[in-house]
Amino acid sequence: MTEFTRIGVLGAGAWGTALAAALFNKAPNGAETVPVWALESEVAEALATGNGNPTYLSGVTLPKMLASTDIAILDGCDAVLAVVPAQFARSTLTQLAPHLAEGTPVLLCAKGIERNTLSFMTDVLRDAIPHAVPAVLSGPSFAADVSRGLPTAVTL
């Protein structure tokens, strides 16, 4: 059985932040083992300084996280949760590709179909990072509930 000791989160919107918090709370050394990539510098700074994510998850207390706008923060991850909107998935995953070892699981956590190509997210991942192992995370769940540790259900 594979052990995942460093799981990264690609995207720090409400859902990405909630999933990062859930991982952080379960990891033995959450601050070092759950790196988060954020597009916006103000979001990365707020997460890194322990000020939560007022932009996307206002009012939720979060731990101080390892967060950056530099996608290289995800270097060496055993798995990555891709939590970026469907219309930005291809470009963001393409940026991530050189930072992932062959066979790294990438869990797609965003719903949707790419408008220009009508591709499913699994197809976008296959095109952008052919050396990744795809998985899909599906709800029903809400970011605010997950971030607060309330009972919820997801399927992988």
Protein backbone atom coordinates (compact mmCIF):
# COMPACT_ATOMS: atom_id res chain seq x y z
CA MET A 1 0.00 0.00 0.00
CA THR A 2 1.34 3.43 -0.97
CA GLU A 3 1.83 5.94 1.80
CA PHE A 4 1.16 9.56 0.97
CA THR A 5 3.13 11.83 3.27
CA ARG A 6 3.07 15.06 1.24
CA ILE A 7 -0.21 15.93 -0.45
CA GLY A 8 -0.40 19.24 -2.27
CA VAL A 9 -3.39 21.37 -3.12
CA LEU A 10 -3.47 23.19 -6.46
CA GLY A 11 -5.93 26.03 -5.96
CA ALA A 12 -6.92 28.04 -2.90
CA GLY A 13 -10.51 29.01 -3.58
CA ALA A 14 -13.17 27.98 -1.05
CA TRP A 15 -13.10 24.29 -2.00
CA GLY A 16 -9.31 24.05 -2.29
CA THR A 17 -8.84 25.78 1.06
CA ALA A 18 -11.43 23.53 2.73
CA LEU A 19 -9.75 20.39 1.39
CA ALA A 20 -6.32 21.70 2.43
CA ALA A 21 -7.64 22.34 5.95
CA ALA A 22 -9.12 18.83 6.14
CA LEU A 23 -5.80 17.32 5.03
CA PHE A 24 -3.85 19.60 7.35
CA ASN A 25 -5.92 18.52 10.34
CA LYS A 26 -5.27 14.81 9.59
CA ALA A 27 -1.56 15.09 8.74
CA PRO A 28 1.02 14.58 11.48
CA ASN A 29 2.97 17.69 10.39
CA GLY A 30 0.32 19.53 8.42
CA ALA A 31 2.29 22.73 7.95
CA GLU A 32 5.09 20.89 6.13
CA THR A 33 3.12 18.15 4.43
CA VAL A 34 0.20 20.02 2.86
CA PRO A 35 1.55 22.74 0.56
CA VAL A 36 -1.04 24.96 -1.12
CA TRP A 37 -0.67 26.83 -4.40
CA ALA A 38 -2.77 29.99 -4.70
CA LEU A 39 -3.18 32.16 -7.77
CA GLU A 40 -3.70 35.35 -5.77
CA SER A 41 -0.84 36.66 -3.63
CA GLU A 42 -3.23 38.02 -1.00
CA VAL A 43 -4.75 34.55 -0.55
CA ALA A 44 -1.34 32.86 -0.27
CA GLU A 45 -0.19 35.47 2.25
CA ALA A 46 -3.34 35.17 4.37
CA LEU A 47 -3.05 31.37 4.47
CA ALA A 48 0.69 31.50 5.23
CA THR A 49 0.27 33.98 8.08
CA GLY A 50 -2.63 32.16 9.71
CA ASN A 51 -5.25 34.71 8.70
CA GLY A 52 -7.51 32.19 6.97
CA ASN A 53 -8.85 32.88 3.51
CA PRO A 54 -11.03 36.01 3.75
CA THR A 55 -11.30 36.20 -0.04
CA TYR A 56 -13.01 32.83 -0.55
CA LEU A 57 -13.80 31.35 2.87
CA SER A 58 -14.63 34.30 5.06
CA GLY A 59 -15.33 33.71 8.74
CA VAL A 60 -13.68 30.29 8.91
CA THR A 61 -10.74 29.84 11.29
CA LEU A 62 -7.91 28.00 9.59
CA PRO A 63 -4.45 26.89 10.68
CA LYS A 64 -1.35 28.61 9.32
CA MET A 65 -0.54 26.81 6.06
CA LEU A 66 2.44 26.45 3.75
CA ALA A 67 1.10 28.52 0.83
CA SER A 68 2.63 30.26 -2.16
CA THR A 69 1.89 31.65 -5.61
CA ASP A 70 4.90 29.69 -6.89
CA ILE A 71 3.66 26.40 -8.31
CA ALA A 72 7.04 24.85 -7.45
CA ILE A 73 5.73 24.61 -3.87
CA LEU A 74 4.15 21.35 -5.10
CA ASP A 75 7.52 19.79 -6.03
CA GLY A 76 7.95 16.40 -4.44
CA CYS A 77 4.29 15.85 -3.57
CA ASP A 78 3.14 12.22 -3.36
CA ALA A 79 -0.28 13.31 -4.66
CA VAL A 80 -1.96 16.57 -5.67
CA LEU A 81 -5.56 17.69 -5.34
CA ALA A 82 -6.33 19.83 -8.41
CA VAL A 83 -8.95 22.31 -7.25
CA VAL A 84 -8.99 24.95 -9.96
CA PRO A 85 -12.03 25.96 -12.02
CA ALA A 86 -12.60 23.84 -15.12
CA GLN A 87 -11.86 26.71 -17.51
CA PHE A 88 -8.40 27.21 -15.98
CA ALA A 89 -7.54 23.55 -15.45
CA ARG A 90 -5.61 22.97 -18.68
CA SER A 91 -3.26 25.94 -18.29
CA THR A 92 -2.72 25.35 -14.57
CA LEU A 93 -2.15 21.60 -14.94
CA THR A 94 0.30 22.30 -17.78
CA GLN A 95 2.27 24.55 -15.40
CA LEU A 96 2.19 21.80 -12.76
CA ALA A 97 3.40 19.01 -15.09
CA PRO A 98 7.16 19.55 -14.75
CA HIS A 99 6.86 19.53 -10.96
CA LEU A 100 5.33 16.04 -10.71
CA ALA A 101 7.12 12.72 -10.82
CA GLU A 102 5.80 10.06 -13.17
CA GLY A 103 2.88 8.16 -11.66
CA THR A 104 1.90 10.87 -9.18
CA PRO A 105 -1.85 10.74 -8.47
CA VAL A 106 -3.73 13.92 -9.38
CA LEU A 107 -7.19 14.09 -7.82
CA LEU A 108 -9.53 16.24 -9.88
CA CYS A 109 -11.77 18.15 -7.48
CA ALA A 110 -13.49 20.59 -9.83
CA LYS A 111 -16.66 19.95 -11.77
CA GLY A 112 -17.19 20.93 -15.32
CA ILE A 113 -16.39 20.56 -18.97
CA GLU A 114 -13.84 22.68 -20.77
CA ARG A 115 -15.85 25.08 -22.93
CA ASN A 116 -13.51 25.33 -25.92
CA THR A 117 -12.96 21.60 -26.38
CA LEU A 118 -15.97 20.08 -24.56
CA SER A 119 -13.41 17.89 -22.77
CA PHE A 120 -14.04 16.28 -19.40
CA MET A 121 -11.52 17.13 -16.69
CA THR A 122 -9.99 13.64 -16.94
CA ASP A 123 -9.28 14.29 -20.63
CA VAL A 124 -7.76 17.68 -19.81
CA LEU A 125 -5.53 16.04 -17.19
CA ARG A 126 -4.47 13.31 -19.64
CA ASP A 127 -3.50 15.98 -22.20
CA ALA A 128 -1.71 18.26 -19.73
CA ILE A 129 0.04 15.66 -17.53
CA PRO A 130 0.05 12.32 -19.32
CA HIS A 131 2.39 10.87 -16.68
CA ALA A 132 -0.11 11.49 -13.84
CA VAL A 133 -2.47 8.90 -12.38
CA PRO A 134 -6.00 10.38 -12.54
CA ALA A 135 -8.67 10.23 -9.83
CA VAL A 136 -11.87 12.21 -9.33
CA LEU A 137 -13.28 13.52 -6.04
CA SER A 138 -17.03 14.02 -6.01
CA GLY A 139 -19.58 15.31 -3.44
CA PRO A 140 -22.16 16.10 -2.18
CA SER A 141 -20.38 18.46 0.16
CA PHE A 142 -19.90 22.16 0.86
CA ALA A 143 -16.60 23.95 1.38
CA ALA A 144 -17.81 25.74 4.52
CA ASP A 145 -18.90 22.43 6.11
CA VAL A 146 -15.66 20.64 5.23
CA SER A 147 -13.50 23.54 6.48
CA ARG A 148 -15.34 23.50 9.81
CA GLY A 149 -14.93 19.73 10.18
CA LEU A 150 -18.67 19.07 9.95
CA PRO A 151 -19.89 15.67 8.71
CA THR A 152 -19.97 15.44 4.95
CA ALA A 153 -19.49 12.81 2.27
CA VAL A 154 -17.20 12.61 -0.73
CA THR A 155 -16.35 9.78 -3.08
CA LEU A 156 -12.97 9.16 -4.68
